[in-house]
């Protein structure tokens, strides 16, 4: 399993509220993708973290190159993943899964090596 975490800095409570609303009203296109296991939006003091979980690297890569991914992020599809940080080296491109570029943002992909225990 892979976990993708995208750090999204926010400059104000109002900006955070707008971001939350955008995620609440997201199209949900990723929810139907093969290998997609879940999504959470975490709130910190001056940032949010978007977390998605994927069964395999292949599932994540397929989503990143899909027309649905481009549509969900409000831009045309691209063979490299539409400018998402996974098209570059991880953590280099500020990105927030809604398509906005934010200074100081980053994305990182982790492989789960010890999964949570069922029911824990």
Protein backbone atom coordinates (compact mmCIF):
# COMPACT_ATOMS: atom_id res chain seq x y z
CA UNK A 1 0.00 0.00 0.00
CA UNK A 2 1.10 3.57 -0.71
CA UNK A 3 0.17 6.74 1.16
CA UNK A 4 0.42 10.08 -0.66
CA UNK A 5 0.56 13.15 1.56
CA UNK A 6 0.22 16.63 0.06
CA UNK A 7 1.04 19.54 2.39
CA UNK A 8 -1.10 22.65 1.69
CA UNK A 9 -0.10 25.83 3.54
CA UNK A 10 -2.91 28.33 4.17
CA UNK A 11 -2.52 32.03 4.94
CA UNK A 12 -5.73 32.62 6.91
CA UNK A 13 -8.73 30.94 8.53
CA UNK A 14 -10.87 32.12 5.60
CA UNK A 15 -8.51 30.49 3.11
CA UNK A 16 -8.64 27.29 5.15
CA UNK A 17 -12.43 27.37 5.19
CA UNK A 18 -12.50 27.78 1.39
CA UNK A 19 -10.11 24.86 1.00
CA UNK A 20 -12.22 22.66 3.27
CA UNK A 21 -15.34 23.54 1.28
CA UNK A 22 -13.62 22.68 -2.00
CA UNK A 23 -12.61 19.28 -0.65
CA UNK A 24 -16.08 18.65 0.81
CA UNK A 25 -17.58 19.35 -2.61
CA UNK A 26 -14.95 17.57 -4.67
CA UNK A 27 -16.20 15.55 -7.63
CA UNK A 28 -15.08 12.28 -6.07
CA UNK A 29 -13.70 10.95 -9.35
CA UNK A 30 -10.79 9.28 -7.57
CA UNK A 31 -13.21 7.31 -5.35
CA UNK A 32 -14.08 5.01 -8.27
CA UNK A 33 -10.50 4.36 -9.36
CA UNK A 34 -9.10 0.81 -9.16
CA UNK A 35 -6.75 0.54 -6.20
CA UNK A 36 -7.95 3.72 -4.47
CA UNK A 37 -8.32 2.91 -0.77
CA UNK A 38 -9.26 6.21 0.84
CA UNK A 39 -8.90 9.95 1.37
CA UNK A 40 -8.56 12.20 4.41
CA UNK A 41 -7.97 15.93 4.81
CA UNK A 42 -6.00 16.76 7.95
CA UNK A 43 -6.03 20.25 9.48
CA UNK A 44 -3.04 21.76 11.29
CA UNK A 45 -2.34 25.26 12.63
CA UNK A 46 -1.49 26.92 9.32
CA UNK A 47 -1.65 24.05 6.86
CA UNK A 48 -3.68 21.10 5.70
CA UNK A 49 -2.49 17.69 4.57
CA UNK A 50 -4.38 15.78 1.91
CA UNK A 51 -3.86 12.03 2.34
CA UNK A 52 -4.74 9.38 -0.22
CA UNK A 53 -4.10 5.67 0.10
CA UNK A 54 -3.45 3.36 -2.87
CA UNK A 55 -3.14 -0.42 -3.18
CA UNK A 56 -0.17 -0.28 -5.58
CA UNK A 57 2.21 2.10 -7.35
CA UNK A 58 0.60 1.02 -10.63
CA UNK A 59 -2.85 2.11 -9.38
CA UNK A 60 -1.49 5.52 -8.36
CA UNK A 61 0.38 5.96 -11.65
CA UNK A 62 -2.72 5.02 -13.67
CA UNK A 63 -4.76 7.65 -11.78
CA UNK A 64 -2.06 10.29 -12.23
CA UNK A 65 -2.11 9.82 -16.03
CA UNK A 66 -5.90 9.56 -16.36
CA UNK A 67 -8.37 11.97 -17.89
CA UNK A 68 -10.33 11.77 -14.61
CA UNK A 69 -7.27 13.05 -12.70
CA UNK A 70 -6.93 15.99 -15.08
CA UNK A 71 -10.65 16.72 -14.74
CA UNK A 72 -10.53 16.51 -10.94
CA UNK A 73 -7.66 18.99 -10.90
CA UNK A 74 -9.16 21.34 -13.48
CA UNK A 75 -6.54 20.97 -16.21
CA UNK A 76 -5.95 18.99 -19.42
CA UNK A 77 -4.51 15.49 -19.18
CA UNK A 78 -0.79 15.10 -19.78
CA UNK A 79 1.26 11.94 -20.37
CA UNK A 80 3.43 12.85 -17.37
CA UNK A 81 0.55 13.23 -14.94
CA UNK A 82 -0.56 16.80 -15.61
CA UNK A 83 2.08 18.62 -13.60
CA UNK A 84 1.40 16.75 -10.38
CA UNK A 85 4.44 16.29 -8.17
CA UNK A 86 4.55 12.62 -9.09
CA UNK A 87 5.46 13.73 -12.60
CA UNK A 88 8.57 15.32 -11.05
CA UNK A 89 10.63 14.23 -8.08
CA UNK A 90 8.48 13.92 -4.97
CA UNK A 91 8.23 17.00 -2.82
CA UNK A 92 9.51 19.48 -5.42
CA UNK A 93 6.29 20.91 -6.84
CA UNK A 94 3.81 22.74 -4.58
CA UNK A 95 0.40 21.23 -5.19
CA UNK A 96 -2.89 20.78 -3.37
CA UNK A 97 -5.09 18.11 -5.05
CA UNK A 98 -7.61 20.84 -6.01
CA UNK A 99 -5.28 22.18 -8.70
CA UNK A 100 -3.99 25.29 -6.89
CA UNK A 101 -0.27 25.93 -6.68
CA UNK A 102 0.73 27.09 -3.20
CA UNK A 103 4.11 28.41 -2.09
CA UNK A 104 5.71 26.07 0.41
CA UNK A 105 3.51 23.09 -0.44
CA UNK A 106 4.92 19.65 -1.06
CA UNK A 107 3.90 16.10 -1.86
CA UNK A 108 5.47 12.89 -0.62
CA UNK A 109 4.64 9.25 -1.31
CA UNK A 110 5.31 6.60 1.33
CA UNK A 111 5.15 2.84 1.09
CA UNK A 112 3.42 1.21 4.07
CA UNK A 113 5.77 -1.42 5.48
CA UNK A 114 3.89 -2.24 8.69
CA UNK A 115 0.13 -1.82 8.19
CA UNK A 116 -2.27 -0.87 10.96
CA UNK A 117 -3.82 -3.83 12.70
CA UNK A 118 -7.39 -4.61 11.67
CA UNK A 119 -9.82 -3.05 14.14
CA UNK A 120 -7.14 -0.91 15.78
